[in-house]
Protein backbone atom coordinates (compact mmCIF):
# COMPACT_ATOMS: atom_id res chain seq x y z
CA MET A 1 15.48 -23.60 9.85
CA LYS A 2 17.76 -20.54 9.73
CA VAL A 3 16.20 -17.62 7.87
CA ALA A 4 17.00 -14.08 6.81
CA PHE A 5 13.94 -11.87 7.05
CA ASP A 6 12.75 -9.44 4.43
CA THR A 7 11.12 -6.27 5.70
CA ASN A 8 7.64 -7.34 4.61
CA VAL A 9 7.75 -10.41 6.87
CA LEU A 10 8.54 -8.26 9.90
CA LEU A 11 5.83 -5.80 8.92
CA ARG A 12 3.19 -8.53 8.61
CA ALA A 13 4.14 -9.89 12.04
CA VAL A 14 3.83 -6.47 13.68
CA VAL A 15 1.07 -4.71 11.74
CA ARG A 16 -1.07 -7.81 11.03
CA ASP A 17 -2.88 -6.07 8.18
CA ASP A 18 -3.00 -9.29 6.16
CA PRO A 19 -4.20 -12.10 8.46
CA ALA A 20 -2.88 -14.96 6.29
CA GLN A 21 0.61 -13.42 5.96
CA ALA A 22 0.60 -12.38 9.62
CA SER A 23 -0.02 -16.00 10.60
CA VAL A 24 2.85 -17.25 8.43
CA ALA A 25 5.18 -14.51 9.76
CA ALA A 26 4.31 -15.37 13.36
CA LYS A 27 4.97 -19.07 12.71
CA ILE A 28 8.37 -18.27 11.18
CA LEU A 29 9.23 -16.06 14.15
CA THR A 30 8.44 -18.78 16.65
CA ASP A 31 9.70 -21.82 14.72
CA ALA A 32 12.97 -20.61 13.18
CA GLU A 33 16.17 -21.71 14.84
CA LEU A 34 17.78 -18.45 13.75
CA ILE A 35 16.31 -15.25 12.32
CA ALA A 36 18.98 -13.06 10.73
CA VAL A 37 17.71 -9.50 10.40
CA ALA A 38 19.90 -7.27 8.25
CA THR A 39 20.28 -3.68 9.38
CA PRO A 40 18.83 -2.25 6.11
CA CYS A 41 15.75 -4.40 6.79
CA LEU A 42 15.28 -2.64 10.12
CA CYS A 43 15.83 0.78 8.50
CA GLU A 44 13.03 -0.01 6.04
CA PHE A 45 10.89 -1.48 8.82
CA VAL A 46 11.05 1.70 10.92
CA TRP A 47 10.48 3.97 7.93
CA VAL A 48 7.39 2.01 6.81
CA LEU A 49 5.96 1.88 10.34
CA LEU A 50 6.34 5.64 10.73
CA LYS A 51 5.55 6.92 7.26
CA ILE A 52 3.06 4.40 5.91
CA TYR A 53 1.31 3.07 9.01
CA GLY A 54 1.54 6.22 11.14
CA PHE A 55 3.20 4.56 14.14
CA GLN A 56 4.84 6.76 16.76
CA SER A 57 8.63 6.58 17.10
CA SER A 58 8.24 5.04 20.54
CA ASP A 59 6.08 2.23 19.10
CA ALA A 60 8.65 1.50 16.37
CA ALA A 61 11.41 1.46 18.99
CA THR A 62 9.38 -0.92 21.16
CA ALA A 63 8.90 -3.27 18.20
CA ILE A 64 12.66 -3.40 17.66
CA HIS A 65 13.36 -3.89 21.37
CA VAL A 66 10.93 -6.84 21.42
CA LEU A 67 12.64 -8.30 18.37
CA LEU A 68 16.08 -7.88 19.98
CA ALA A 69 14.87 -9.68 23.09
CA ALA A 70 14.08 -12.84 21.12
CA ALA A 71 16.74 -15.50 21.67
CA ASN A 72 16.70 -16.63 18.04
CA VAL A 73 17.24 -13.20 16.45
CA ALA A 74 20.65 -12.15 15.13
CA VAL A 75 21.33 -8.51 14.25
CA ASN A 76 24.28 -6.15 14.13
CA ARG A 77 23.47 -5.13 17.69
CA PRO A 78 25.77 -2.08 17.97
CA ALA A 79 24.37 -0.64 14.72
CA VAL A 80 20.79 -1.30 15.80
CA GLU A 81 21.42 0.22 19.22
CA ALA A 82 22.89 3.32 17.54
CA GLY A 83 19.77 3.55 15.37
CA LEU A 84 17.52 3.15 18.41
CA SER A 85 19.47 5.81 20.28
CA VAL A 86 18.80 8.36 17.54
CA LEU A 87 15.18 7.22 17.04
CA GLU A 88 14.46 7.50 20.77
CA ALA A 89 16.00 10.99 20.76
CA GLY A 90 13.50 12.08 18.10
CA GLY A 91 15.56 11.42 14.98
CA ASP A 92 15.65 8.86 12.20
CA PHE A 93 16.68 5.29 12.99
CA ALA A 94 18.59 5.12 9.70
CA ASP A 95 20.70 8.18 10.58
CA GLY A 96 21.95 6.45 13.73
CA VAL A 97 22.76 3.31 11.76
CA ILE A 98 24.52 5.29 9.02
CA ALA A 99 26.59 7.23 11.55
CA TYR A 100 27.56 4.03 13.38
CA GLU A 101 28.46 2.05 10.26
CA GLY A 102 30.27 5.01 8.72
CA ASN A 103 32.39 5.27 11.86
CA TRP A 104 32.97 1.50 11.85
CA LEU A 105 34.22 1.79 8.26
CA GLY A 106 36.73 4.48 9.27
CA GLY A 107 34.74 7.68 8.84
CA GLU A 108 35.41 10.11 11.66
CA THR A 109 32.59 12.58 11.14
CA PHE A 110 28.94 12.12 10.17
CA THR A 111 28.21 14.64 7.41
CA SER A 112 24.72 15.67 6.36
CA PHE A 113 22.34 18.38 5.19
CA ASP A 114 19.91 17.11 7.89
CA GLN A 115 19.98 19.59 10.79
CA LYS A 116 18.05 17.33 13.13
CA ALA A 117 20.35 14.34 12.56
CA VAL A 118 23.47 16.44 13.11
CA ALA A 119 22.01 18.05 16.25
CA ILE A 120 21.05 14.69 17.78
CA LEU A 121 24.35 13.01 16.97
CA THR A 122 26.30 16.04 18.23
CA ALA A 123 24.28 16.01 21.47
CA GLN A 124 25.18 12.33 21.83
CA GLY A 125 28.88 13.21 21.66
CA GLN A 126 29.57 12.20 18.08
CA SER A 127 31.47 14.31 15.60
CA ALA A 128 29.02 15.63 12.99
CA HIS A 129 29.12 18.27 10.25
CA LEU A 130 26.08 20.12 9.00
CA TYR A 131 26.30 21.41 5.47
CA GLU A 132 23.78 23.99 4.39
CA SER A 133 23.28 24.24 0.68
CA VAL A 134 23.46 27.73 -0.74
CA GLY A 135 23.91 26.76 -4.38
CA ALA A 136 21.21 25.77 -6.82
CA PHE A 137 19.63 22.35 -6.32
CA GLY A 138 21.86 21.27 -3.48
CA CYS A 139 25.31 21.86 -4.98
CA PRO A 140 27.35 23.29 -2.08
CA TYR A 141 29.55 25.57 -4.17
CA LYS A 142 29.03 28.82 -2.27
CA ALA A 143 29.13 28.16 1.47
CA SER A 144 28.85 25.51 4.14
CA ILE A 145 28.34 25.53 7.88
CA CYS A 146 30.09 22.93 9.90
CA THR A 147 29.75 21.86 13.55
CA LYS A 148 32.72 19.93 14.86
CA GLN A 149 32.06 18.78 18.41
CA PRO A 150 29.19 19.11 20.89
CA ALA A 151 30.81 21.94 22.86
CA ALA A 152 32.46 23.67 19.90
CA LYS A 153 31.12 26.79 18.21
CA ALA A 154 29.86 26.47 14.67
CA GLU A 155 32.61 27.26 12.22
CA LYS A 156 31.61 28.94 8.97
CA PHE A 157 33.80 28.83 5.92
CA GLU A 158 33.42 29.92 2.31
CA LEU A 159 34.20 27.80 -0.71
CA PRO A 160 35.13 29.75 -3.83
CA THR A 161 32.31 29.98 -6.37
CA GLU A 162 34.57 28.88 -9.25
CA SER A 163 37.02 26.41 -7.78
CA PRO A 164 38.58 23.63 -9.84
CA ASP A 165 38.40 21.41 -6.74
CA THR A 166 34.70 21.96 -5.98
CA ARG A 167 32.37 22.34 -8.94
CA CYS A 168 29.15 20.87 -10.22
CA LEU A 169 29.28 18.91 -13.41
CA GLY A 170 26.78 19.99 -16.06
CA ALA A 171 23.74 22.17 -15.50
CA PRO A 172 22.43 22.42 -11.93
CA TYR A 173 19.29 20.53 -12.92
CA SER A 174 17.83 19.43 -16.22
CA GLY A 175 15.78 16.37 -15.42
CA PHE A 176 17.42 13.62 -13.44
CA ASP A 177 20.90 12.82 -14.68
CA LEU A 178 23.02 11.09 -12.06
CA LYS A 179 26.31 12.48 -13.37
CA SER A 180 25.15 16.10 -13.40
CA SER A 181 23.30 15.84 -10.10
CA PHE A 182 26.40 15.45 -7.95
CA CYS A 183 29.41 17.61 -7.18
CA PHE A 184 32.84 16.08 -7.49
CA GLY A 185 36.30 17.36 -6.63
CA SER A 186 39.14 17.51 -9.17
CA GLN A 187 37.24 16.46 -12.30
């Protein structure tokens, strides 16, 4: 049988907090001809191990390495390796995956408000921009800080407060309204 795993199957196999499901998960792992593990599944897997079960990053990385070593497991190996690289450097697995897949899709620079992600990716030689929000509720309409390359100095630039190209739609925050929660250019 060729299967695509959901995150909960991987979790049961590793955590074994439900003996009946752990037994089924282990049987699937050993009996399946092919186990296709989607990258978002691994992002969820790592997050749940760290945030819900209190695993250490090194333990989550080991679990993925063991999975990758199985002959019947298929993954987007370059994306998973990028995620592992960031996880093993102290960052979030998902940030490494996002940076890799964004680059694969044609993006040249990883862009984030996450200082740690940008620092790790920059240290690994990837182009990354850090944006620091100065505006209310995350709308970057006053200023941003941007790091271009690992050896480059941070470059600071100001965006005009009232620019037709960079403005927030609606009030900065009045409950959750998807349209008013994001900034768009040229609206």
